Amino acid sequence: MGIGNGLEFYDFAIFAALTPVISQLFFPSGDPLSAVLSTFAVFAVGFLMRPVGAVFFGRLADVRGRKVAMIVAVTVMGASTVFLGVIPVYAQIGIWAPIFLVIARMFQGLSVGGEFGTSATFLIEFAPSNRRGLYGAFAFFSATAGSVLGIFLVFVLNLFMSPDSIDSWGWRIPFLLSFPLLVLGFYLRQRVAESPEFQEAKTEEAHLKSPVLTVFKEHWRGILIAIGIVLGFATASSTVQVFLPSYIRTVIGLSPRVALASVLIATTVAIFMVLGFGHLADRYGTRPILVLASVLTVALPYPSLMVIGLGELGPAVLGQIILWIPVAAFGGAAPAAWAKMFPTRVRVSGFGIAYGFGTAIFAGSAPFIATWLIELTGNDMAPAWYMVVGGTLTLVVILTFVKGNGHIGRGSSGRAI
């Protein structure tokens, strides 16, 4: 059921990998860094739609079922990604080009706002009680696998096409190839059974007309704690997946082929790290892994950027793998932790709203802020500051409010959630 997450991060990966191309085609400017900033601003718009998607799909999943919500989410995501591949560029339609780009990103953000929370919840509700970390980690595993696929396709483009051909029409190919993923995702999700926990809760409990209002009223503290955990995860993951591919090319100066090769290798390694941390979360508990992830988010940004700054393929790969470690730790433990914070009847709404608001605020802004910090200070190491702050705040939240494995906080009623 990770096909939706895979499609989500497939789009993010190709958008990030093609940022230098997209920025010049949709935001022509004499200053390449300014054009990249404009493109990252459009990227952030998609994140701003995530809370809207979280509310819409959260209600849909908690009232109509996880299966229905996942089918709608993957359809909207796939259609908007294909649309990105057919938008005329600025030279053809002027200001309408970036407007259409923003619209496409808005619909992508809408679907993503419901996709991750719904599919991760679905996987966790199917999991045995002692394997929820691993099953939850599969949500981020599939997302990272989608990134690998997207990066691989862009790498192949750079391997077999000239820069002029890519700028002219080749950049559209990866977006258009999302159509087969859309068809596959739609087919698979139609055939799956509904979550057994949702079926049981729907039978035993009174039907909620507004799970969103209920979760805000009864579990607002859980939402705030979950957002606090999202903070460190979002700043680190968005930096490594979205910002670094452009950073390695435009700031470090590696060729597109070498830069993409480094991203592809590092992200492939990260896939297996995610599942490893999911297994560790089942064995040792989610709290220790989340603490470790937060500490590493504080400790590793500077070493990562220092290694990448050495240039060449090897240091670029090693530097990215270093920064992938805390991201993989969060991805392996956080989904199970978030799901434990909310009861079944409002789980997708609570999970999705926390993830949607958290990523909208912190992940969507990360590439823009990182690029802006470089432009403001002239210091190539400045992006590390944002990750250090995010990791520090998340560590404080976890140490203060996360009470052991599964007891993540207390709801307004005073019981553990």
Protein backbone atom coordinates (compact mmCIF):
# COMPACT_ATOMS: atom_id res chain seq x y z
CA MET A 1 0.00 0.00 0.00
CA GLY A 2 3.03 2.23 -0.29
CA ILE A 3 2.30 3.07 -3.93
CA GLY A 4 0.75 6.43 -2.96
CA ASN A 5 3.69 7.39 -0.77
CA GLY A 6 6.01 6.23 -3.53
CA LEU A 7 4.22 8.44 -6.06
CA GLU A 8 4.33 11.37 -3.61
CA PHE A 9 8.08 11.20 -3.12
CA TYR A 10 8.67 10.26 -6.75
CA ASP A 11 7.28 13.67 -7.64
CA PHE A 12 9.30 15.39 -4.90
CA ALA A 13 12.48 13.72 -6.11
CA ILE A 14 12.10 14.67 -9.76
CA PHE A 15 10.99 18.19 -8.83
CA ALA A 16 14.04 18.58 -6.58
CA ALA A 17 16.43 16.99 -9.08
CA LEU A 18 15.11 19.16 -11.90
CA THR A 19 14.95 22.38 -9.86
CA PRO A 20 17.84 24.03 -11.77
CA VAL A 21 16.01 23.31 -15.04
CA ILE A 22 12.51 24.19 -13.85
CA SER A 23 13.71 27.43 -12.26
CA GLN A 24 15.08 28.74 -15.57
CA LEU A 25 12.08 27.57 -17.62
CA PHE A 26 9.39 28.97 -15.34
CA PHE A 27 11.24 31.83 -13.60
CA PRO A 28 13.75 33.19 -16.13
CA SER A 29 16.22 35.43 -14.33
CA GLY A 30 19.76 36.66 -14.73
CA ASP A 31 20.52 35.34 -11.24
CA PRO A 32 20.35 31.51 -11.03
CA LEU A 33 20.11 31.55 -7.23
CA SER A 34 17.11 33.90 -7.35
CA ALA A 35 15.40 31.62 -9.86
CA VAL A 36 16.03 28.63 -7.58
CA LEU A 37 14.56 30.60 -4.67
CA SER A 38 11.41 31.23 -6.72
CA THR A 39 11.12 27.54 -7.52
CA PHE A 40 11.54 26.55 -3.88
CA ALA A 41 8.82 29.08 -2.99
CA VAL A 42 6.48 27.24 -5.38
CA PHE A 43 7.58 24.00 -3.74
CA ALA A 44 6.57 25.46 -0.36
CA VAL A 45 3.08 26.28 -1.70
CA GLY A 46 2.41 22.57 -2.03
CA PHE A 47 3.25 22.11 1.63
CA LEU A 48 0.86 24.90 2.63
CA MET A 49 -1.98 22.85 1.17
CA ARG A 50 -1.13 19.84 3.31
CA PRO A 51 -3.21 20.92 6.34
CA VAL A 52 -6.23 21.36 4.05
CA GLY A 53 -5.66 17.89 2.65
CA ALA A 54 -5.19 16.49 6.16
CA VAL A 55 -8.58 17.84 7.25
CA PHE A 56 -10.38 16.67 4.09
CA PHE A 57 -8.83 13.22 3.84
CA GLY A 58 -8.77 12.75 7.61
CA ARG A 59 -12.53 13.12 7.78
CA LEU A 60 -12.96 10.93 4.71
CA ALA A 61 -10.76 8.16 6.16
CA ASP A 62 -12.28 8.27 9.65
CA VAL A 63 -15.89 8.34 8.40
CA ARG A 64 -15.86 6.44 5.07
CA GLY A 65 -12.77 4.31 5.58
CA ARG A 66 -9.04 4.24 4.91
CA LYS A 67 -9.47 2.51 1.55
CA VAL A 68 -11.71 5.21 0.05
CA ALA A 69 -9.39 8.00 1.19
CA MET A 70 -6.33 6.26 -0.26
CA ILE A 71 -7.99 5.76 -3.65
CA VAL A 72 -8.95 9.44 -3.90
CA ALA A 73 -5.52 10.62 -2.67
CA VAL A 74 -3.50 8.58 -5.16
CA THR A 75 -5.76 9.70 -8.02
CA VAL A 76 -5.38 13.41 -7.23
CA MET A 77 -1.63 13.04 -6.74
CA GLY A 78 -1.11 11.17 -10.00
CA ALA A 79 -3.27 13.52 -12.06
CA SER A 80 -1.56 16.66 -10.75
CA THR A 81 1.90 15.17 -11.38
CA VAL A 82 0.98 14.34 -14.98
CA PHE A 83 -0.34 17.89 -15.35
CA LEU A 84 3.09 19.20 -14.32
CA GLY A 85 4.52 17.37 -17.32
CA VAL A 86 2.32 19.15 -19.86
CA ILE A 87 2.41 22.75 -18.58
CA PRO A 88 3.80 25.20 -21.19
CA VAL A 89 6.87 27.12 -19.99
CA TYR A 90 7.29 30.87 -19.45
CA ALA A 91 8.63 31.48 -22.96
CA GLN A 92 5.38 30.05 -24.37
CA ILE A 93 2.62 31.50 -22.19
CA GLY A 94 4.36 34.03 -19.95
CA ILE A 95 3.08 34.56 -16.41
CA TRP A 96 0.52 31.76 -16.80
CA ALA A 97 3.34 29.21 -16.68
CA PRO A 98 4.28 29.79 -13.01
CA ILE A 99 0.57 30.18 -12.16
CA PHE A 100 -0.20 26.72 -13.56
CA LEU A 101 2.88 25.40 -11.77
CA VAL A 102 1.52 26.73 -8.48
CA ILE A 103 -1.92 25.19 -9.15
CA ALA A 104 -0.37 21.79 -9.82
CA ARG A 105 1.68 22.02 -6.64
CA MET A 106 -1.44 22.99 -4.67
CA PHE A 107 -3.31 19.85 -5.73
CA GLN A 108 -0.26 17.75 -5.03
CA GLY A 109 -0.04 19.24 -1.57
CA LEU A 110 -3.74 18.60 -1.02
CA SER A 111 -3.37 14.90 -1.79
CA VAL A 112 -0.14 14.49 0.14
CA GLY A 113 -1.82 16.04 3.18
CA GLY A 114 -4.05 12.99 3.34
CA GLU A 115 -1.84 10.34 1.77
CA PHE A 116 0.92 9.76 4.31
CA GLY A 117 -1.29 9.76 7.40
CA THR A 118 -3.92 7.52 5.81
CA SER A 119 -1.56 4.94 4.30
CA ALA A 120 0.71 4.81 7.37
CA THR A 121 -2.33 4.36 9.62
CA PHE A 122 -3.65 1.65 7.31
CA LEU A 123 -0.36 -0.28 7.50
CA ILE A 124 -0.07 0.09 11.27
CA GLU A 125 -3.65 -1.06 11.84
CA PHE A 126 -2.87 -4.25 9.92
CA ALA A 127 0.35 -4.86 11.88
CA PRO A 128 0.83 -7.31 14.77
CA SER A 129 1.21 -5.44 18.06
CA ASN A 130 4.96 -6.17 18.19
CA ARG A 131 5.64 -5.10 14.60
CA ARG A 132 4.03 -1.68 14.39
CA GLY A 133 7.38 0.08 14.14
CA LEU A 134 8.40 -2.00 11.14
CA TYR A 135 5.01 -1.74 9.43
CA GLY A 136 4.90 2.02 10.05
CA ALA A 137 8.44 2.33 8.72
CA PHE A 138 7.28 0.74 5.48
CA ALA A 139 5.29 3.92 4.77
CA PHE A 140 8.49 5.96 4.69
CA PHE A 141 10.38 3.07 3.06
CA SER A 142 8.00 3.13 0.10
CA ALA A 143 8.23 6.91 -0.04
CA THR A 144 12.02 6.74 -0.17
CA ALA A 145 11.80 4.04 -2.84
CA GLY A 146 9.71 6.46 -4.88
CA SER A 147 12.49 9.00 -4.49
CA VAL A 148 15.02 6.48 -5.78
CA LEU A 149 12.88 5.80 -8.84
CA GLY A 150 12.46 9.51 -9.59
CA ILE A 151 16.17 10.25 -9.13
CA PHE A 152 17.08 7.26 -11.30
CA LEU A 153 14.92 8.48 -14.16
CA VAL A 154 16.41 11.98 -14.01
CA PHE A 155 19.88 10.42 -13.88
CA VAL A 156 19.10 8.39 -17.01
CA LEU A 157 17.93 11.56 -18.75
CA ASN A 158 21.23 13.27 -17.98
CA LEU A 159 23.12 10.17 -19.09
CA PHE A 160 21.53 9.82 -22.51
CA MET A 161 20.26 13.31 -23.38
CA SER A 162 22.06 16.56 -24.02
CA PRO A 163 21.41 19.51 -21.67
CA ASP A 164 19.62 21.33 -24.48
CA SER A 165 17.28 18.37 -25.07
CA ILE A 166 16.50 18.14 -21.37
CA ASP A 167 15.77 21.86 -21.18
CA SER A 168 13.62 21.68 -24.30
CA TRP A 169 11.40 18.67 -23.60
CA GLY A 170 13.25 15.92 -21.74
CA TRP A 171 12.42 17.33 -18.29
CA ARG A 172 8.75 16.46 -18.93
CA ILE A 173 9.36 12.71 -19.27
CA PRO A 174 9.63 11.80 -15.54
CA PHE A 175 6.43 13.70 -14.73
CA LEU A 176 4.52 12.00 -17.54
CA LEU A 177 5.79 8.59 -16.48
CA SER A 178 3.87 8.99 -13.23
CA PHE A 179 0.73 7.97 -15.17
CA PRO A 180 1.54 4.21 -15.02
CA LEU A 181 2.12 4.60 -11.27
CA LEU A 182 -1.28 6.29 -10.97
CA VAL A 183 -3.00 3.42 -12.80
CA LEU A 184 -1.18 0.80 -10.71
CA GLY A 185 -1.95 2.59 -7.45
CA PHE A 186 -5.63 2.97 -8.32
CA TYR A 187 -5.88 -0.71 -9.27
CA LEU A 188 -4.14 -2.01 -6.15
CA ARG A 189 -6.07 0.16 -3.74
CA GLN A 190 -9.39 -0.90 -5.18
CA ARG A 191 -8.53 -4.52 -4.42
CA VAL A 192 -7.40 -4.22 -0.79
CA ALA A 193 -9.59 -4.97 2.22
CA GLU A 194 -10.50 -2.27 4.71
CA SER A 195 -8.46 -1.88 7.90
CA PRO A 196 -9.70 -4.39 10.53
CA GLU A 197 -9.28 -1.85 13.34
CA PHE A 198 -11.43 0.66 11.47
CA GLN A 199 -14.10 -2.00 10.84
CA GLU A 200 -14.16 -2.91 14.52
CA ALA A 201 -14.26 0.70 15.70
CA LYS A 202 -17.03 1.52 13.25
CA THR A 203 -19.09 -1.36 14.61
CA GLU A 204 -18.49 -0.76 18.30
CA GLU A 205 -18.48 3.03 18.59
CA ALA A 206 -20.99 5.72 17.78
CA HIS A 207 -20.54 7.17 14.32
CA LEU A 208 -18.67 10.47 14.40
CA LYS A 209 -20.01 13.17 12.12
CA SER A 210 -16.96 15.35 12.61
CA PRO A 211 -13.80 13.46 13.61
CA VAL A 212 -11.77 16.60 12.88
CA LEU A 213 -13.62 18.67 15.47
CA THR A 214 -13.44 15.76 17.91
CA VAL A 215 -9.70 15.38 17.57
CA PHE A 216 -9.15 19.11 18.08
CA LYS A 217 -11.46 19.14 21.11
CA GLU A 218 -10.35 15.94 22.86
CA HIS A 219 -6.81 15.36 21.61
CA TRP A 220 -5.38 18.81 20.98
CA ARG A 221 -2.42 18.11 23.21
CA GLY A 222 -1.55 15.02 21.21
CA ILE A 223 -1.62 17.11 18.01
CA LEU A 224 0.79 19.65 19.48
CA ILE A 225 3.18 16.96 20.68
CA ALA A 226 3.05 15.22 17.31
CA ILE A 227 3.82 18.51 15.54
CA GLY A 228 6.79 18.91 17.87
CA ILE A 229 8.08 15.54 16.70
CA VAL A 230 7.39 16.42 13.07
CA LEU A 231 9.56 19.54 13.40
CA GLY A 232 12.94 17.81 13.51
CA PHE A 233 11.88 15.15 11.03
CA ALA A 234 10.56 17.72 8.55
CA THR A 235 13.57 20.04 8.62
CA ALA A 236 16.03 17.19 8.14
CA SER A 237 14.08 15.19 5.54
CA SER A 238 13.20 18.17 3.38
CA THR A 239 16.79 19.37 3.48
CA VAL A 240 18.31 16.05 2.45
CA GLN A 241 15.69 15.18 -0.17
CA VAL A 242 14.86 18.54 -1.70
CA PHE A 243 17.58 21.05 -0.91
CA LEU A 244 20.77 18.98 -1.20
CA PRO A 245 20.31 17.84 -4.83
CA SER A 246 20.18 21.48 -5.92
CA TYR A 247 22.88 22.52 -3.40
CA ILE A 248 25.35 19.95 -4.73
CA ARG A 249 24.93 21.30 -8.26
CA THR A 250 24.54 25.05 -7.81
CA VAL A 251 26.70 25.67 -4.74
CA ILE A 252 29.26 22.85 -4.73
CA GLY A 253 29.45 22.90 -8.53
CA LEU A 254 29.31 19.20 -9.35
CA SER A 255 28.05 18.25 -12.80
CA PRO A 256 24.40 17.14 -13.09
CA ARG A 257 25.44 13.53 -13.73
CA VAL A 258 27.79 13.32 -10.74
CA ALA A 259 25.33 15.14 -8.46
CA LEU A 260 22.43 12.87 -9.44
CA ALA A 261 24.61 9.77 -9.10
CA SER A 262 25.50 10.80 -5.55
CA VAL A 263 21.86 11.43 -4.65
CA LEU A 264 20.80 8.10 -6.17
CA ILE A 265 23.41 6.09 -4.25
CA ALA A 266 22.76 7.82 -0.93
CA THR A 267 18.97 7.51 -1.20
CA THR A 268 19.22 3.83 -2.10
CA VAL A 269 21.24 3.21 1.07
CA ALA A 270 18.64 5.19 3.03
CA ILE A 271 15.84 2.80 2.01
CA PHE A 272 17.35 -0.01 4.04
CA MET A 273 18.22 2.26 6.95
CA VAL A 274 14.53 3.16 7.33
CA LEU A 275 13.48 -0.48 7.75
CA GLY A 276 16.40 -1.08 10.10
CA PHE A 277 15.28 1.72 12.40
CA GLY A 278 11.68 0.45 12.21
CA HIS A 279 12.90 -2.91 13.49
CA LEU A 280 14.90 -1.20 16.25
CA ALA A 281 11.79 0.76 17.28
CA ASP A 282 9.92 -2.54 17.76
CA ARG A 283 12.80 -3.97 19.79
CA TYR A 284 13.77 -1.02 21.96
CA GLY A 285 10.74 1.25 21.78
CA THR A 286 9.87 4.32 19.74
CA ARG A 287 11.06 6.84 22.33
CA PRO A 288 14.78 5.86 22.33
CA ILE A 289 14.86 5.91 18.52
CA LEU A 290 13.16 9.31 18.40
CA VAL A 291 15.63 10.70 20.95
CA LEU A 292 18.50 9.31 18.87
CA ALA A 293 17.05 10.84 15.71
CA SER A 294 16.74 14.26 17.36
CA VAL A 295 20.28 14.18 18.76
CA LEU A 296 21.69 13.22 15.36
CA THR A 297 19.68 15.99 13.67
CA VAL A 298 21.56 18.42 15.91
CA ALA A 299 24.96 16.75 15.62
CA LEU A 300 25.27 15.76 11.95
CA PRO A 301 24.33 18.73 9.69
CA TYR A 302 27.73 20.43 9.98
CA PRO A 303 29.78 17.26 9.36
CA SER A 304 27.48 16.39 6.47
CA LEU A 305 27.90 19.74 4.70
CA MET A 306 31.63 19.79 5.42
CA VAL A 307 32.09 16.42 3.73
CA ILE A 308 29.89 17.37 0.77
CA GLY A 309 31.90 20.59 0.40
CA LEU A 310 35.01 18.55 -0.41
CA GLY A 311 33.55 17.95 -3.88
CA GLU A 312 33.69 14.83 -6.03
CA LEU A 313 31.34 11.85 -6.02
CA GLY A 314 32.61 10.01 -2.93
CA PRO A 315 32.34 12.89 -0.44
CA ALA A 316 28.94 13.88 -1.88
CA VAL A 317 27.60 10.37 -1.30
CA LEU A 318 29.09 10.09 2.19
CA GLY A 319 27.84 13.53 3.24
CA GLN A 320 24.29 12.73 2.19
CA ILE A 321 24.33 9.32 3.90
CA ILE A 322 25.44 11.05 7.12
CA LEU A 323 22.40 13.33 6.99
CA TRP A 324 20.11 10.47 5.98
CA ILE A 325 20.80 8.68 9.29
CA PRO A 326 18.55 10.91 11.48
CA VAL A 327 15.94 11.10 8.70
CA ALA A 328 15.82 7.29 8.50
CA ALA A 329 15.60 7.06 12.30
CA PHE A 330 12.61 9.41 12.35
CA GLY A 331 11.03 7.58 9.39
CA GLY A 332 11.44 4.25 11.14
CA ALA A 333 9.98 5.22 14.51
CA ALA A 334 7.74 8.27 14.10
CA PRO A 335 4.77 6.76 12.18
CA ALA A 336 4.12 4.16 14.89
CA ALA A 337 4.54 6.83 17.58
CA TRP A 338 2.09 9.20 15.90
CA ALA A 339 -0.50 6.46 15.38
CA LYS A 340 -0.36 5.51 19.08
CA MET A 341 -1.29 9.05 20.06
CA PHE A 342 -4.87 8.88 18.74
CA PRO A 343 -7.73 6.36 19.06
CA THR A 344 -8.92 4.52 15.96
CA ARG A 345 -12.04 6.60 15.38
CA VAL A 346 -10.00 9.83 14.90
CA ARG A 347 -6.56 8.39 14.16
CA VAL A 348 -6.17 9.52 10.54
CA SER A 349 -7.49 12.99 11.35
CA GLY A 350 -5.10 13.43 14.29
CA PHE A 351 -2.12 11.86 12.56
CA GLY A 352 -2.77 13.69 9.30
CA ILE A 353 -3.38 17.11 10.84
CA ALA A 354 -0.22 16.95 12.93
CA TYR A 355 1.86 15.73 9.99
CA GLY A 356 0.22 18.16 7.57
CA PHE A 357 0.65 21.27 9.72
CA GLY A 358 4.14 20.25 10.81
CA THR A 359 5.45 19.62 7.31
CA ALA A 360 3.67 22.69 5.93
CA ILE A 361 5.46 24.93 8.40
CA PHE A 362 8.85 23.29 8.67
CA ALA A 363 9.46 21.06 5.63
CA GLY A 364 7.95 23.34 3.03
CA SER A 365 10.09 26.24 4.14
CA ALA A 366 13.34 24.30 4.62
CA PRO A 367 14.73 24.47 1.03
CA PHE A 368 13.79 28.14 0.73
CA ILE A 369 15.27 29.09 4.10
CA ALA A 370 18.43 27.07 3.46
CA THR A 371 18.98 28.78 0.11
CA TRP A 372 18.12 32.19 1.59
CA LEU A 373 20.62 31.69 4.42
CA ILE A 374 23.39 31.08 1.89
CA GLU A 375 22.43 34.18 -0.09
CA LEU A 376 22.14 36.27 3.10
CA THR A 377 25.40 35.18 4.76
CA GLY A 378 27.54 34.01 1.88
CA ASN A 379 28.29 30.96 4.04
CA ASP A 380 27.76 27.57 2.39
CA MET A 381 27.41 25.99 5.85
CA ALA A 382 24.50 28.23 6.88
CA PRO A 383 21.74 25.68 5.99
CA ALA A 384 22.92 23.56 8.94
CA TRP A 385 21.56 26.18 11.35
CA TYR A 386 17.96 25.44 10.45
CA MET A 387 18.36 21.69 11.03
CA VAL A 388 20.15 22.21 14.35
CA VAL A 389 17.32 24.41 15.64
CA GLY A 390 14.67 21.92 14.46
CA GLY A 391 16.42 18.95 16.02
CA THR A 392 16.93 20.79 19.31
CA LEU A 393 13.27 21.75 19.65
CA THR A 394 12.10 18.24 18.81
CA LEU A 395 14.49 16.76 21.37
CA VAL A 396 13.00 19.02 24.04
CA VAL A 397 9.47 17.93 23.08
CA ILE A 398 10.35 14.23 23.20
CA LEU A 399 12.22 14.40 26.51
CA THR A 400 9.41 16.45 28.06
CA PHE A 401 6.26 14.76 26.76
CA VAL A 402 7.07 11.30 25.39
CA LYS A 403 6.64 8.89 28.30
CA GLY A 404 7.99 5.50 27.32
CA ASN A 405 7.07 3.18 24.49
CA GLY A 406 3.57 3.99 23.38
CA HIS A 407 2.78 6.54 26.09
CA ILE A 408 3.46 9.59 24.00
CA GLY A 409 1.50 12.12 25.96
CA ARG A 410 -1.79 12.71 27.70
CA GLY A 411 -5.01 13.82 26.15
CA SER A 412 -7.33 16.38 27.65
CA SER A 413 -9.08 13.60 29.50
CA GLY A 414 -5.87 12.72 31.33
CA ARG A 415 -5.49 9.19 29.99
CA ALA A 416 -2.44 8.03 28.08
CA ILE A 417 -2.79 8.20 24.33
